[in-house]
Amino acid sequence: MRISEGDPWSVMVTSFALLAGVGILALATTVVLWIMMEAMAPDVLPTFGTVLAIAIGVVTVEVVLGTGLATLATFLYNLSSLYSGGVEVSLTDDVEPTPAASEALMSLARARARMRRRLRGRTLRPRSWSR
């Protein structure tokens, strides 16, 4: 399967939703950190309103710039895929391991069984106890 084009509208909506979620998490983290810092050192930090206004400003810039950059990257990918043909993606339904992988798994199982037999009966004791 070859991915030769991305839908800019879908990318914009998806990136906006993801970045808005990250922004909400950042705001919640800011509130929790401000409460914790205020409990540890009262009257040292700026007021809650100032901290929240700065956090909202940073989150807004993050969401707007991130959404714009993701959409711009989609347009650039669409232009470059006109010349390169896009990205080749292989999807498979095989759930069985390859012969080499199954042979490696069997040799690991045999090595594990040998180590268990070899270590059976031995306990880990410091050298000073064995004298």
C-alpha atoms as a PDB file:
ATOM      1  CA  MET A   1       0.000   0.000   0.000  1.00  0.00           C
ATOM      2  CA  ARG A   2       1.346   3.401  -0.915  1.00  0.00           C
ATOM      3  CA  ILE A   3       0.448   6.562   0.978  1.00  0.00           C
ATOM      4  CA  SER A   4       0.785   9.266  -1.632  1.00  0.00           C
ATOM      5  CA  GLU A   5      -1.426  11.994  -0.215  1.00  0.00           C
ATOM      6  CA  GLY A   6      -2.577  13.299   3.129  1.00  0.00           C
ATOM      7  CA  ASP A   7      -5.801  15.185   3.734  1.00  0.00           C
ATOM      8  CA  PRO A   8      -4.834  18.586   5.198  1.00  0.00           C
ATOM      9  CA  TRP A   9      -8.276  19.122   6.773  1.00  0.00           C
ATOM     10  CA  SER A  10      -8.131  15.790   8.629  1.00  0.00           C
ATOM     11  CA  VAL A  11      -4.596  16.489   9.800  1.00  0.00           C
ATOM     12  CA  MET A  12      -5.606  19.947  11.014  1.00  0.00           C
ATOM     13  CA  VAL A  13      -8.615  18.656  12.963  1.00  0.00           C
ATOM     14  CA  THR A  14      -6.683  15.731  14.458  1.00  0.00           C
ATOM     15  CA  SER A  15      -3.674  17.821  15.451  1.00  0.00           C
ATOM     16  CA  PHE A  16      -5.946  20.483  16.945  1.00  0.00           C
ATOM     17  CA  ALA A  17      -7.756  17.869  19.035  1.00  0.00           C
ATOM     18  CA  LEU A  18      -4.518  16.270  20.238  1.00  0.00           C
ATOM     19  CA  LEU A  19      -2.832  19.594  21.009  1.00  0.00           C
ATOM     20  CA  ALA A  20      -5.935  20.898  22.766  1.00  0.00           C
ATOM     21  CA  GLY A  21      -5.862  17.798  24.969  1.00  0.00           C
ATOM     22  CA  VAL A  22      -2.192  18.361  25.743  1.00  0.00           C
ATOM     23  CA  GLY A  23      -3.001  21.997  26.496  1.00  0.00           C
ATOM     24  CA  ILE A  24      -5.720  21.026  28.954  1.00  0.00           C
ATOM     25  CA  LEU A  25      -3.267  18.685  30.682  1.00  0.00           C
ATOM     26  CA  ALA A  26      -0.706  21.495  30.831  1.00  0.00           C
ATOM     27  CA  LEU A  27      -3.251  23.846  32.404  1.00  0.00           C
ATOM     28  CA  ALA A  28      -4.253  21.230  34.976  1.00  0.00           C
ATOM     29  CA  THR A  29      -0.594  20.607  35.780  1.00  0.00           C
ATOM     30  CA  THR A  30      -0.017  24.339  36.170  1.00  0.00           C
ATOM     31  CA  VAL A  31      -2.904  24.635  38.615  1.00  0.00           C
ATOM     32  CA  VAL A  32      -1.712  21.657  40.676  1.00  0.00           C
ATOM     33  CA  LEU A  33       1.881  22.921  40.750  1.00  0.00           C
ATOM     34  CA  TRP A  34       0.783  26.423  41.758  1.00  0.00           C
ATOM     35  CA  ILE A  35      -1.308  24.987  44.615  1.00  0.00           C
ATOM     36  CA  MET A  36       1.605  22.828  45.798  1.00  0.00           C
ATOM     37  CA  MET A  37       4.116  25.665  45.586  1.00  0.00           C
ATOM     38  CA  GLU A  38       1.746  28.039  47.380  1.00  0.00           C
ATOM     39  CA  ALA A  39       1.356  25.476  50.174  1.00  0.00           C
ATOM     40  CA  MET A  40       5.148  25.123  50.535  1.00  0.00           C
ATOM     41  CA  ALA A  41       6.059  28.807  50.266  1.00  0.00           C
ATOM     42  CA  PRO A  42       3.086  31.123  50.748  1.00  0.00           C
ATOM     43  CA  ASP A  43       3.165  34.636  49.263  1.00  0.00           C
ATOM     44  CA  VAL A  44       6.289  33.992  47.163  1.00  0.00           C
ATOM     45  CA  LEU A  45       4.652  33.215  43.819  1.00  0.00           C
ATOM     46  CA  PRO A  46       2.643  35.601  41.663  1.00  0.00           C
ATOM     47  CA  THR A  47      -1.116  35.488  42.084  1.00  0.00           C
ATOM     48  CA  PHE A  48      -3.110  32.572  40.741  1.00  0.00           C
ATOM     49  CA  GLY A  49      -4.740  34.746  38.093  1.00  0.00           C
ATOM     50  CA  THR A  50      -1.378  35.861  36.715  1.00  0.00           C
ATOM     51  CA  VAL A  51      -0.028  32.319  36.554  1.00  0.00           C
ATOM     52  CA  LEU A  52      -3.206  31.054  34.904  1.00  0.00           C
ATOM     53  CA  ALA A  53      -3.199  33.890  32.338  1.00  0.00           C
ATOM     54  CA  ILE A  54       0.398  33.126  31.359  1.00  0.00           C
ATOM     55  CA  ALA A  55      -0.361  29.396  31.121  1.00  0.00           C
ATOM     56  CA  ILE A  56      -3.421  30.039  28.939  1.00  0.00           C
ATOM     57  CA  GLY A  57      -1.332  32.256  26.669  1.00  0.00           C
ATOM     58  CA  VAL A  58       1.385  29.627  26.299  1.00  0.00           C
ATOM     59  CA  VAL A  59      -1.165  26.873  25.630  1.00  0.00           C
ATOM     60  CA  THR A  60      -2.959  29.006  23.046  1.00  0.00           C
ATOM     61  CA  VAL A  61       0.278  29.700  21.185  1.00  0.00           C
ATOM     62  CA  GLU A  62       1.168  26.005  21.365  1.00  0.00           C
ATOM     63  CA  VAL A  63      -2.166  24.879  19.934  1.00  0.00           C
ATOM     64  CA  VAL A  64      -2.227  27.486  17.143  1.00  0.00           C
ATOM     65  CA  LEU A  65       1.403  26.995  16.076  1.00  0.00           C
ATOM     66  CA  GLY A  66       1.271  23.205  16.392  1.00  0.00           C
ATOM     67  CA  THR A  67      -1.893  22.949  14.328  1.00  0.00           C
ATOM     68  CA  GLY A  68      -0.492  25.276  11.703  1.00  0.00           C
ATOM     69  CA  LEU A  69       2.813  23.409  11.493  1.00  0.00           C
ATOM     70  CA  ALA A  70       1.092  20.034  11.161  1.00  0.00           C
ATOM     71  CA  THR A  71      -1.132  21.349   8.369  1.00  0.00           C
ATOM     72  CA  LEU A  72       1.844  22.946   6.618  1.00  0.00           C
ATOM     73  CA  ALA A  73       3.759  19.675   6.910  1.00  0.00           C
ATOM     74  CA  THR A  74       0.845  17.892   5.236  1.00  0.00           C
ATOM     75  CA  PHE A  75       0.933  20.311   2.313  1.00  0.00           C
ATOM     76  CA  LEU A  76       4.708  19.836   2.002  1.00  0.00           C
ATOM     77  CA  TYR A  77       4.310  16.060   2.116  1.00  0.00           C
ATOM     78  CA  ASN A  78       1.689  16.213  -0.621  1.00  0.00           C
ATOM     79  CA  LEU A  79       4.053  18.266  -2.788  1.00  0.00           C
ATOM     80  CA  SER A  80       6.994  15.950  -2.202  1.00  0.00           C
ATOM     81  CA  SER A  81       4.920  12.823  -2.815  1.00  0.00           C
ATOM     82  CA  LEU A  82       4.110  14.095  -6.301  1.00  0.00           C
ATOM     83  CA  TYR A  83       7.786  13.579  -7.148  1.00  0.00           C
ATOM     84  CA  SER A  84       8.722  10.611  -4.957  1.00  0.00           C
ATOM     85  CA  GLY A  85       5.484   8.625  -5.104  1.00  0.00           C
ATOM     86  CA  GLY A  86       4.823   8.617  -1.362  1.00  0.00           C
ATOM     87  CA  VAL A  87       5.614   6.137   1.382  1.00  0.00           C
ATOM     88  CA  GLU A  88       5.293   2.374   0.951  1.00  0.00           C
ATOM     89  CA  VAL A  89       3.520   0.720   3.894  1.00  0.00           C
ATOM     90  CA  SER A  90       3.257  -3.063   4.258  1.00  0.00           C
ATOM     91  CA  LEU A  91       0.359  -4.466   6.247  1.00  0.00           C
ATOM     92  CA  THR A  92       0.167  -8.163   7.038  1.00  0.00           C
ATOM     93  CA  ASP A  93      -2.209 -10.521   8.785  1.00  0.00           C
ATOM     94  CA  ASP A  94       0.407 -13.167   9.605  1.00  0.00           C
ATOM     95  CA  VAL A  95       0.550 -14.023  13.270  1.00  0.00           C
ATOM     96  CA  GLU A  96       2.890 -17.008  13.004  1.00  0.00           C
ATOM     97  CA  PRO A  97       6.600 -16.366  13.507  1.00  0.00           C
ATOM     98  CA  THR A  98       9.020 -16.824  10.650  1.00  0.00           C
ATOM     99  CA  PRO A  99      11.059 -20.048  10.583  1.00  0.00           C
ATOM    100  CA  ALA A 100      14.168 -18.217  11.778  1.00  0.00           C
ATOM    101  CA  ALA A 101      12.250 -16.632  14.669  1.00  0.00           C
ATOM    102  CA  SER A 102      10.736 -19.952  15.738  1.00  0.00           C
ATOM    103  CA  GLU A 103      14.176 -21.615  15.631  1.00  0.00           C
ATOM    104  CA  ALA A 104      15.599 -18.801  17.779  1.00  0.00           C
ATOM    105  CA  LEU A 105      12.742 -19.158  20.274  1.00  0.00           C
ATOM    106  CA  MET A 106      13.338 -22.925  20.510  1.00  0.00           C
ATOM    107  CA  SER A 107      17.069 -22.459  21.125  1.00  0.00           C
ATOM    108  CA  LEU A 108      16.310 -19.891  23.827  1.00  0.00           C
ATOM    109  CA  ALA A 109      13.894 -22.317  25.487  1.00  0.00           C
ATOM    110  CA  ARG A 110      16.533 -25.074  25.421  1.00  0.00           C
ATOM    111  CA  ALA A 111      19.157 -22.710  26.903  1.00  0.00           C
ATOM    112  CA  ARG A 112      16.741 -21.694  29.646  1.00  0.00           C
ATOM    113  CA  ALA A 113      16.022 -25.333  30.502  1.00  0.00           C
ATOM    114  CA  ARG A 114      19.771 -26.101  30.655  1.00  0.00           C
ATOM    115  CA  MET A 115      20.378 -23.166  32.988  1.00  0.00           C
ATOM    116  CA  ARG A 116      17.508 -24.229  35.243  1.00  0.00           C
ATOM    117  CA  ARG A 117      18.922 -27.765  35.509  1.00  0.00           C
ATOM    118  CA  ARG A 118      22.395 -26.409  36.188  1.00  0.00           C
ATOM    119  CA  LEU A 119      21.255 -23.954  38.859  1.00  0.00           C
ATOM    120  CA  ARG A 120      18.810 -26.306  40.578  1.00  0.00           C
ATOM    121  CA  GLY A 121      19.861 -26.935  44.153  1.00  0.00           C
ATOM    122  CA  ARG A 122      22.243 -24.040  44.341  1.00  0.00           C
ATOM    123  CA  THR A 123      21.464 -21.065  46.521  1.00  0.00           C
ATOM    124  CA  LEU A 124      23.004 -17.658  46.432  1.00  0.00           C
ATOM    125  CA  ARG A 125      25.020 -17.127  49.586  1.00  0.00           C
ATOM    126  CA  PRO A 126      27.825 -14.701  50.327  1.00  0.00           C
ATOM    127  CA  ARG A 127      31.280 -16.304  50.191  1.00  0.00           C
ATOM    128  CA  SER A 128      31.874 -15.678  53.889  1.00  0.00           C
ATOM    129  CA  TRP A 129      29.003 -18.079  54.736  1.00  0.00           C
ATOM    130  CA  SER A 130      30.332 -21.008  52.733  1.00  0.00           C
ATOM    131  CA  ARG A 131      33.449 -21.498  54.835  1.00  0.00           C
END
